[in-house]
Amino acid sequence: MRKRKKIDEIIERYSVVRSLAAIERSDVCVIMIDACEGIAEQDTKIAGYAHEQGKACIFAVNKWDAVEKDTKTMNEFKMRVREEFAFMSYASIVFISAKTGSRVDSLLSEIKNVYAQYNKRITTGMLNDVLNEAVAKQQPPSDKGRRLKLYYGTQAGVCPPSFVLFTNSRELFRYSYLRFIENQIRDAFGFEGTPIKFILREKNDRDN
C-alpha cells in the first residue's frame, strides 16, 4: 500500500481496497516499515486496521542494510516502533533486507511462531492458576465500598485467543486491571505477536 498522497489513479485506489481485504483474510499480517523513511502515517493506519481485525502481527523493518548503524541504532528504532504502536505492544519486530535477503529466514520463522501463538489453547486449570496468582499479587479495584471479584476464566476460542472472565461486575473491571490480567497471562503463556480478546461476564449472566 502506498501513502495516501501518492494515490492518484483508480488502479492505486483499488490496490488499497485489495490490501485491506487481504488483511481481513489473513491470519498473520507482516507490517513493512521502511528503515530509511521511518514510520509513516500510513504504517500506523495499516497496523491499526490489522489490530482492529484481531490479526496476529509482525513489524518487519526493511532496508536495514541501508541504515548507518552503531550499537544503539537497533534498540533506538525498536523504541520508536513501540512508542508509535503502543497499542500493539504484543507484536514482534524483525529487521530485514528484502534486497539482500538478510534475516528473511528469521522473518519466516517468526511468522510460523506467531501463527502458532495465534492458535494456542491453554487449559482452564492452568488459566485459573494464573488468574488466582494475579488477584493475590494485585488486589482488584473497588468503588463505593464494592470490590471487583474475579471468579474464574476459560478460553473461548483462538485466532485471536479469546477468554471469558466471570466477574461480579463489568463496571468495576477497569481497563487498567484488565491490562494487568492480560500481562499476567502473557508472562505465563507467551501469546507473542497476537492480540488477546476478553469477554466479561457477570456471574449468572445469561447473555450469549
C-alpha atoms as a PDB file:
ATOM      1  CA  MET A   1       0.000   0.000   0.000  1.00  0.00           C
ATOM      2  CA  ARG A   2       1.328   3.411  -0.944  1.00  0.00           C
ATOM      3  CA  LYS A   3       0.861   6.569   1.075  1.00  0.00           C
ATOM      4  CA  ARG A   4      -2.484   8.242   0.523  1.00  0.00           C
ATOM      5  CA  LYS A   5      -0.961  11.339  -1.076  1.00  0.00           C
ATOM      6  CA  LYS A   6       0.558   9.151  -3.768  1.00  0.00           C
ATOM      7  CA  ILE A   7      -2.732   7.501  -4.727  1.00  0.00           C
ATOM      8  CA  ASP A   8      -3.986   9.401  -7.781  1.00  0.00           C
ATOM      9  CA  GLU A   9      -5.376   6.769 -10.100  1.00  0.00           C
ATOM     10  CA  ILE A  10      -8.211   4.272  -9.892  1.00  0.00           C
ATOM     11  CA  ILE A  11      -5.822   1.334 -10.032  1.00  0.00           C
ATOM     12  CA  GLU A  12      -4.000   2.630  -6.953  1.00  0.00           C
ATOM     13  CA  ARG A  13      -7.216   3.126  -5.026  1.00  0.00           C
ATOM     14  CA  TYR A  14      -8.233  -0.404  -5.979  1.00  0.00           C
ATOM     15  CA  SER A  15      -4.917  -1.739  -4.685  1.00  0.00           C
ATOM     16  CA  VAL A  16      -5.633  -0.190  -1.298  1.00  0.00           C
ATOM     17  CA  VAL A  17      -9.040  -1.855  -1.178  1.00  0.00           C
ATOM     18  CA  ARG A  18      -7.439  -5.180  -2.078  1.00  0.00           C
ATOM     19  CA  SER A  19      -4.789  -4.701   0.614  1.00  0.00           C
ATOM     20  CA  LEU A  20      -7.404  -4.078   3.287  1.00  0.00           C
ATOM     21  CA  ALA A  21      -9.342  -7.111   2.059  1.00  0.00           C
ATOM     22  CA  ALA A  22      -6.137  -9.162   2.289  1.00  0.00           C
ATOM     23  CA  ILE A  23      -5.778  -8.157   5.940  1.00  0.00           C
ATOM     24  CA  GLU A  24      -9.307  -9.381   6.610  1.00  0.00           C
ATOM     25  CA  ARG A  25      -8.498 -12.767   5.023  1.00  0.00           C
ATOM     26  CA  SER A  26      -5.145 -13.197   6.717  1.00  0.00           C
ATOM     27  CA  ASP A  27      -4.059 -14.904   9.918  1.00  0.00           C
ATOM     28  CA  VAL A  28      -0.704 -13.136  10.297  1.00  0.00           C
ATOM     29  CA  CYS A  29      -0.020  -9.619   8.991  1.00  0.00           C
ATOM     30  CA  VAL A  30       3.542  -8.505   8.274  1.00  0.00           C
ATOM     31  CA  ILE A  31       3.620  -4.723   8.513  1.00  0.00           C
ATOM     32  CA  MET A  32       6.552  -3.411   6.494  1.00  0.00           C
ATOM     33  CA  ILE A  33       8.338  -0.282   7.705  1.00  0.00           C
ATOM     34  CA  ASP A  34      10.915   1.463   5.539  1.00  0.00           C
ATOM     35  CA  ALA A  35      14.014   1.865   7.722  1.00  0.00           C
ATOM     36  CA  CYS A  36      15.246   4.784   5.615  1.00  0.00           C
ATOM     37  CA  GLU A  37      11.986   6.738   5.605  1.00  0.00           C
ATOM     38  CA  GLY A  38      10.987   5.855   9.138  1.00  0.00           C
ATOM     39  CA  ILE A  39       7.461   5.268  10.409  1.00  0.00           C
ATOM     40  CA  ALA A  40       4.843   6.834   8.123  1.00  0.00           C
ATOM     41  CA  GLU A  41       1.266   7.793   8.898  1.00  0.00           C
ATOM     42  CA  GLN A  42       0.076   5.084   6.526  1.00  0.00           C
ATOM     43  CA  ASP A  43       2.010   2.477   8.521  1.00  0.00           C
ATOM     44  CA  THR A  44       0.043   3.454  11.609  1.00  0.00           C
ATOM     45  CA  LYS A  45      -3.270   3.242   9.748  1.00  0.00           C
ATOM     46  CA  ILE A  46      -2.488  -0.194   8.331  1.00  0.00           C
ATOM     47  CA  ALA A  47      -1.335  -1.506  11.705  1.00  0.00           C
ATOM     48  CA  GLY A  48      -4.416  -0.070  13.380  1.00  0.00           C
ATOM     49  CA  TYR A  49      -6.685  -1.792  10.873  1.00  0.00           C
ATOM     50  CA  ALA A  50      -4.925  -5.146  11.395  1.00  0.00           C
ATOM     51  CA  HIS A  51      -5.219  -4.713  15.156  1.00  0.00           C
ATOM     52  CA  GLU A  52      -8.923  -3.875  14.949  1.00  0.00           C
ATOM     53  CA  GLN A  53      -9.457  -7.030  12.885  1.00  0.00           C
ATOM     54  CA  GLY A  54      -7.811  -9.104  15.620  1.00  0.00           C
ATOM     55  CA  LYS A  55      -4.921 -10.294  13.459  1.00  0.00           C
ATOM     56  CA  ALA A  56      -1.553 -11.550  14.614  1.00  0.00           C
ATOM     57  CA  CYS A  57       1.107  -9.029  13.580  1.00  0.00           C
ATOM     58  CA  ILE A  58       4.821  -8.681  12.970  1.00  0.00           C
ATOM     59  CA  PHE A  59       6.673  -5.442  12.226  1.00  0.00           C
ATOM     60  CA  ALA A  60       9.280  -6.045   9.516  1.00  0.00           C
ATOM     61  CA  VAL A  61      11.758  -3.164   9.308  1.00  0.00           C
ATOM     62  CA  ASN A  62      13.026  -3.357   5.724  1.00  0.00           C
ATOM     63  CA  LYS A  63      16.174  -1.845   4.127  1.00  0.00           C
ATOM     64  CA  TRP A  64      18.046  -2.253   7.382  1.00  0.00           C
ATOM     65  CA  ASP A  65      21.215  -2.825   5.356  1.00  0.00           C
ATOM     66  CA  ALA A  66      20.999   0.763   4.054  1.00  0.00           C
ATOM     67  CA  VAL A  67      20.962   2.370   7.512  1.00  0.00           C
ATOM     68  CA  GLU A  68      24.117   3.673   9.134  1.00  0.00           C
ATOM     69  CA  LYS A  69      24.300   1.882  12.452  1.00  0.00           C
ATOM     70  CA  ASP A  70      26.085   1.772  15.759  1.00  0.00           C
ATOM     71  CA  THR A  71      25.480  -0.365  18.832  1.00  0.00           C
ATOM     72  CA  LYS A  72      22.399   1.670  19.830  1.00  0.00           C
ATOM     73  CA  THR A  73      20.669   2.048  16.455  1.00  0.00           C
ATOM     74  CA  MET A  74      18.520  -1.083  16.557  1.00  0.00           C
ATOM     75  CA  ASN A  75      17.310  -0.533  20.115  1.00  0.00           C
ATOM     76  CA  GLU A  76      16.515   3.104  19.375  1.00  0.00           C
ATOM     77  CA  PHE A  77      14.474   2.115  16.321  1.00  0.00           C
ATOM     78  CA  LYS A  78      12.639  -0.526  18.365  1.00  0.00           C
ATOM     79  CA  MET A  79      11.782   2.134  20.949  1.00  0.00           C
ATOM     80  CA  ARG A  80      10.318   4.372  18.232  1.00  0.00           C
ATOM     81  CA  VAL A  81       8.204   1.495  16.936  1.00  0.00           C
ATOM     82  CA  ARG A  82       6.969   0.725  20.456  1.00  0.00           C
ATOM     83  CA  GLU A  83       6.090   4.372  21.037  1.00  0.00           C
ATOM     84  CA  GLU A  84       4.252   4.813  17.739  1.00  0.00           C
ATOM     85  CA  PHE A  85       2.433   1.485  18.036  1.00  0.00           C
ATOM     86  CA  ALA A  86       1.874   1.427  21.795  1.00  0.00           C
ATOM     87  CA  PHE A  87      -1.491  -0.276  21.233  1.00  0.00           C
ATOM     88  CA  MET A  88       0.343  -3.241  19.674  1.00  0.00           C
ATOM     89  CA  SER A  89       2.994  -3.972  22.263  1.00  0.00           C
ATOM     90  CA  TYR A  90       2.412  -7.696  21.640  1.00  0.00           C
ATOM     91  CA  ALA A  91       3.745  -7.504  18.044  1.00  0.00           C
ATOM     92  CA  SER A  92       7.297  -8.674  17.433  1.00  0.00           C
ATOM     93  CA  ILE A  93       9.864  -6.679  15.451  1.00  0.00           C
ATOM     94  CA  VAL A  94      12.213  -8.162  12.847  1.00  0.00           C
ATOM     95  CA  PHE A  95      14.901  -6.239  10.949  1.00  0.00           C
ATOM     96  CA  ILE A  96      15.398  -7.436   7.382  1.00  0.00           C
ATOM     97  CA  SER A  97      16.670  -6.551   3.930  1.00  0.00           C
ATOM     98  CA  ALA A  98      14.438  -7.806   1.139  1.00  0.00           C
ATOM     99  CA  LYS A  99      17.114  -6.774  -1.370  1.00  0.00           C
ATOM    100  CA  THR A 100      19.963  -8.806   0.126  1.00  0.00           C
ATOM    101  CA  GLY A 101      17.818 -11.447   1.797  1.00  0.00           C
ATOM    102  CA  SER A 102      19.331 -10.657   5.174  1.00  0.00           C
ATOM    103  CA  ARG A 103      17.268 -12.163   8.040  1.00  0.00           C
ATOM    104  CA  VAL A 104      14.371 -13.032   5.746  1.00  0.00           C
ATOM    105  CA  ASP A 105      14.641 -16.587   7.089  1.00  0.00           C
ATOM    106  CA  SER A 106      14.187 -15.157  10.585  1.00  0.00           C
ATOM    107  CA  LEU A 107      11.037 -13.402   9.431  1.00  0.00           C
ATOM    108  CA  LEU A 108       9.621 -16.634   8.011  1.00  0.00           C
ATOM    109  CA  SER A 109      10.401 -18.447  11.270  1.00  0.00           C
ATOM    110  CA  GLU A 110       8.718 -15.663  13.228  1.00  0.00           C
ATOM    111  CA  ILE A 111       5.608 -15.924  11.050  1.00  0.00           C
ATOM    112  CA  LYS A 112       5.356 -19.640  11.913  1.00  0.00           C
ATOM    113  CA  ASN A 113       5.879 -18.900  15.606  1.00  0.00           C
ATOM    114  CA  VAL A 114       3.291 -16.116  15.693  1.00  0.00           C
ATOM    115  CA  TYR A 115       0.779 -18.278  13.828  1.00  0.00           C
ATOM    116  CA  ALA A 116       1.214 -20.961  16.488  1.00  0.00           C
ATOM    117  CA  GLN A 117       0.628 -18.378  19.223  1.00  0.00           C
ATOM    118  CA  TYR A 118      -2.462 -17.140  17.377  1.00  0.00           C
ATOM    119  CA  ASN A 119      -3.867 -20.680  17.570  1.00  0.00           C
ATOM    120  CA  LYS A 120      -2.679 -21.529  21.073  1.00  0.00           C
ATOM    121  CA  ARG A 121      -5.058 -23.023  23.641  1.00  0.00           C
ATOM    122  CA  ILE A 122      -4.448 -23.369  27.354  1.00  0.00           C
ATOM    123  CA  THR A 123      -6.370 -25.470  29.838  1.00  0.00           C
ATOM    124  CA  THR A 124      -8.949 -23.930  32.163  1.00  0.00           C
ATOM    125  CA  GLY A 125      -6.991 -25.162  35.174  1.00  0.00           C
ATOM    126  CA  MET A 126      -3.743 -23.511  34.045  1.00  0.00           C
ATOM    127  CA  LEU A 127      -5.553 -20.270  33.234  1.00  0.00           C
ATOM    128  CA  ASN A 128      -7.223 -20.086  36.634  1.00  0.00           C
ATOM    129  CA  ASP A 129      -3.971 -20.779  38.443  1.00  0.00           C
ATOM    130  CA  VAL A 130      -2.572 -17.649  36.775  1.00  0.00           C
ATOM    131  CA  LEU A 131      -5.738 -15.629  37.481  1.00  0.00           C
ATOM    132  CA  ASN A 132      -5.640 -16.583  41.169  1.00  0.00           C
ATOM    133  CA  GLU A 133      -1.981 -15.607  41.385  1.00  0.00           C
ATOM    134  CA  ALA A 134      -2.752 -12.308  39.652  1.00  0.00           C
ATOM    135  CA  VAL A 135      -5.533 -11.457  42.109  1.00  0.00           C
ATOM    136  CA  ALA A 136      -3.239 -12.287  45.029  1.00  0.00           C
ATOM    137  CA  LYS A 137      -0.492 -10.147  43.541  1.00  0.00           C
ATOM    138  CA  GLN A 138      -2.676  -7.097  42.863  1.00  0.00           C
ATOM    139  CA  GLN A 139      -5.975  -6.638  44.642  1.00  0.00           C
ATOM    140  CA  PRO A 140      -8.915  -5.932  42.288  1.00  0.00           C
ATOM    141  CA  PRO A 141     -10.257  -2.348  42.292  1.00  0.00           C
ATOM    142  CA  SER A 142     -13.247  -1.197  44.317  1.00  0.00           C
ATOM    143  CA  ASP A 143     -15.754   1.622  44.117  1.00  0.00           C
ATOM    144  CA  LYS A 144     -18.018   2.979  46.866  1.00  0.00           C
ATOM    145  CA  GLY A 145     -17.264   0.037  49.101  1.00  0.00           C
ATOM    146  CA  ARG A 146     -17.910  -2.591  46.437  1.00  0.00           C
ATOM    147  CA  ARG A 147     -14.910  -4.594  45.274  1.00  0.00           C
ATOM    148  CA  LEU A 148     -14.432  -6.381  41.976  1.00  0.00           C
ATOM    149  CA  LYS A 149     -14.401 -10.162  42.202  1.00  0.00           C
ATOM    150  CA  LEU A 150     -12.882 -12.364  39.533  1.00  0.00           C
ATOM    151  CA  TYR A 151     -14.453 -15.786  39.941  1.00  0.00           C
ATOM    152  CA  TYR A 152     -12.807 -17.752  37.148  1.00  0.00           C
ATOM    153  CA  GLY A 153     -11.965 -17.715  33.448  1.00  0.00           C
ATOM    154  CA  THR A 154     -11.965 -20.026  30.474  1.00  0.00           C
ATOM    155  CA  GLN A 155     -10.633 -19.862  26.938  1.00  0.00           C
ATOM    156  CA  ALA A 156     -13.463 -19.425  24.457  1.00  0.00           C
ATOM    157  CA  GLY A 157     -11.572 -19.563  21.183  1.00  0.00           C
ATOM    158  CA  VAL A 158      -8.463 -18.870  19.103  1.00  0.00           C
ATOM    159  CA  CYS A 159      -7.497 -16.601  16.199  1.00  0.00           C
ATOM    160  CA  PRO A 160      -7.184 -14.462  18.256  1.00  0.00           C
ATOM    161  CA  PRO A 161      -7.022 -16.208  21.635  1.00  0.00           C
ATOM    162  CA  SER A 162     -10.229 -15.236  23.454  1.00  0.00           C
ATOM    163  CA  PHE A 163     -11.005 -15.574  27.140  1.00  0.00           C
ATOM    164  CA  VAL A 164     -14.247 -15.299  29.075  1.00  0.00           C
ATOM    165  CA  LEU A 165     -13.790 -13.849  32.561  1.00  0.00           C
ATOM    166  CA  PHE A 166     -16.630 -14.325  35.037  1.00  0.00           C
ATOM    167  CA  THR A 167     -16.960 -11.461  37.490  1.00  0.00           C
ATOM    168  CA  ASN A 168     -19.415  -9.839  39.868  1.00  0.00           C
ATOM    169  CA  SER A 169     -19.416  -6.551  37.920  1.00  0.00           C
ATOM    170  CA  ARG A 170     -18.355  -5.474  34.451  1.00  0.00           C
ATOM    171  CA  GLU A 171     -18.333  -1.844  35.554  1.00  0.00           C
ATOM    172  CA  LEU A 172     -15.775  -2.469  38.286  1.00  0.00           C
ATOM    173  CA  PHE A 173     -13.460  -4.260  35.844  1.00  0.00           C
ATOM    174  CA  ARG A 174     -11.428  -1.207  34.906  1.00  0.00           C
ATOM    175  CA  TYR A 175      -9.280  -1.070  31.802  1.00  0.00           C
ATOM    176  CA  SER A 176      -6.046  -0.839  33.792  1.00  0.00           C
ATOM    177  CA  TYR A 177      -6.844  -4.000  35.738  1.00  0.00           C
ATOM    178  CA  LEU A 178      -7.811  -5.861  32.579  1.00  0.00           C
ATOM    179  CA  ARG A 179      -4.447  -4.913  31.098  1.00  0.00           C
ATOM    180  CA  PHE A 180      -2.773  -6.197  34.250  1.00  0.00           C
ATOM    181  CA  ILE A 181      -4.581  -9.518  33.850  1.00  0.00           C
ATOM    182  CA  GLU A 182      -3.558  -9.659  30.185  1.00  0.00           C
ATOM    183  CA  ASN A 183       0.092  -9.047  31.078  1.00  0.00           C
ATOM    184  CA  GLN A 184      -0.007 -11.846  33.660  1.00  0.00           C
ATOM    185  CA  ILE A 185      -1.422 -14.237  31.061  1.00  0.00           C
ATOM    186  CA  ARG A 186       1.222 -13.227  28.544  1.00  0.00           C
ATOM    187  CA  ASP A 187       4.010 -13.632  31.107  1.00  0.00           C
ATOM    188  CA  ALA A 188       2.785 -17.140  31.849  1.00  0.00           C
ATOM    189  CA  PHE A 189       1.863 -18.414  28.391  1.00  0.00           C
ATOM    190  CA  GLY A 190       3.500 -16.190  25.795  1.00  0.00           C
ATOM    191  CA  PHE A 191       0.988 -15.286  23.093  1.00  0.00           C
ATOM    192  CA  GLU A 192       3.696 -13.256  21.331  1.00  0.00           C
ATOM    193  CA  GLY A 193       2.538 -11.500  18.198  1.00  0.00           C
ATOM    194  CA  THR A 194      -1.188 -11.926  18.778  1.00  0.00           C
ATOM    195  CA  PRO A 195      -3.828  -9.731  20.384  1.00  0.00           C
ATOM    196  CA  ILE A 196      -5.860 -11.233  23.203  1.00  0.00           C
ATOM    197  CA  LYS A 197      -9.619 -10.750  23.379  1.00  0.00           C
ATOM    198  CA  PHE A 198     -11.515 -10.669  26.671  1.00  0.00           C
ATOM    199  CA  ILE A 199     -15.232 -11.177  27.184  1.00  0.00           C
ATOM    200  CA  LEU A 200     -16.503 -10.060  30.588  1.00  0.00           C
ATOM    201  CA  ARG A 201     -19.499 -11.888  32.002  1.00  0.00           C
ATOM    202  CA  GLU A 202     -21.241 -11.258  35.271  1.00  0.00           C
ATOM    203  CA  LYS A 203     -21.941 -14.427  37.214  1.00  0.00           C
ATOM    204  CA  ASN A 204     -25.353 -15.818  36.205  1.00  0.00           C
ATOM    205  CA  ASP A 205     -25.138 -13.662  33.072  1.00  0.00           C
ATOM    206  CA  ARG A 206     -27.414 -15.319  30.529  1.00  0.00           C
ATOM    207  CA  ASP A 207     -26.243 -13.283  27.537  1.00  0.00           C
ATOM    208  CA  ASN A 208     -24.919 -15.349  24.646  1.00  0.00           C
END
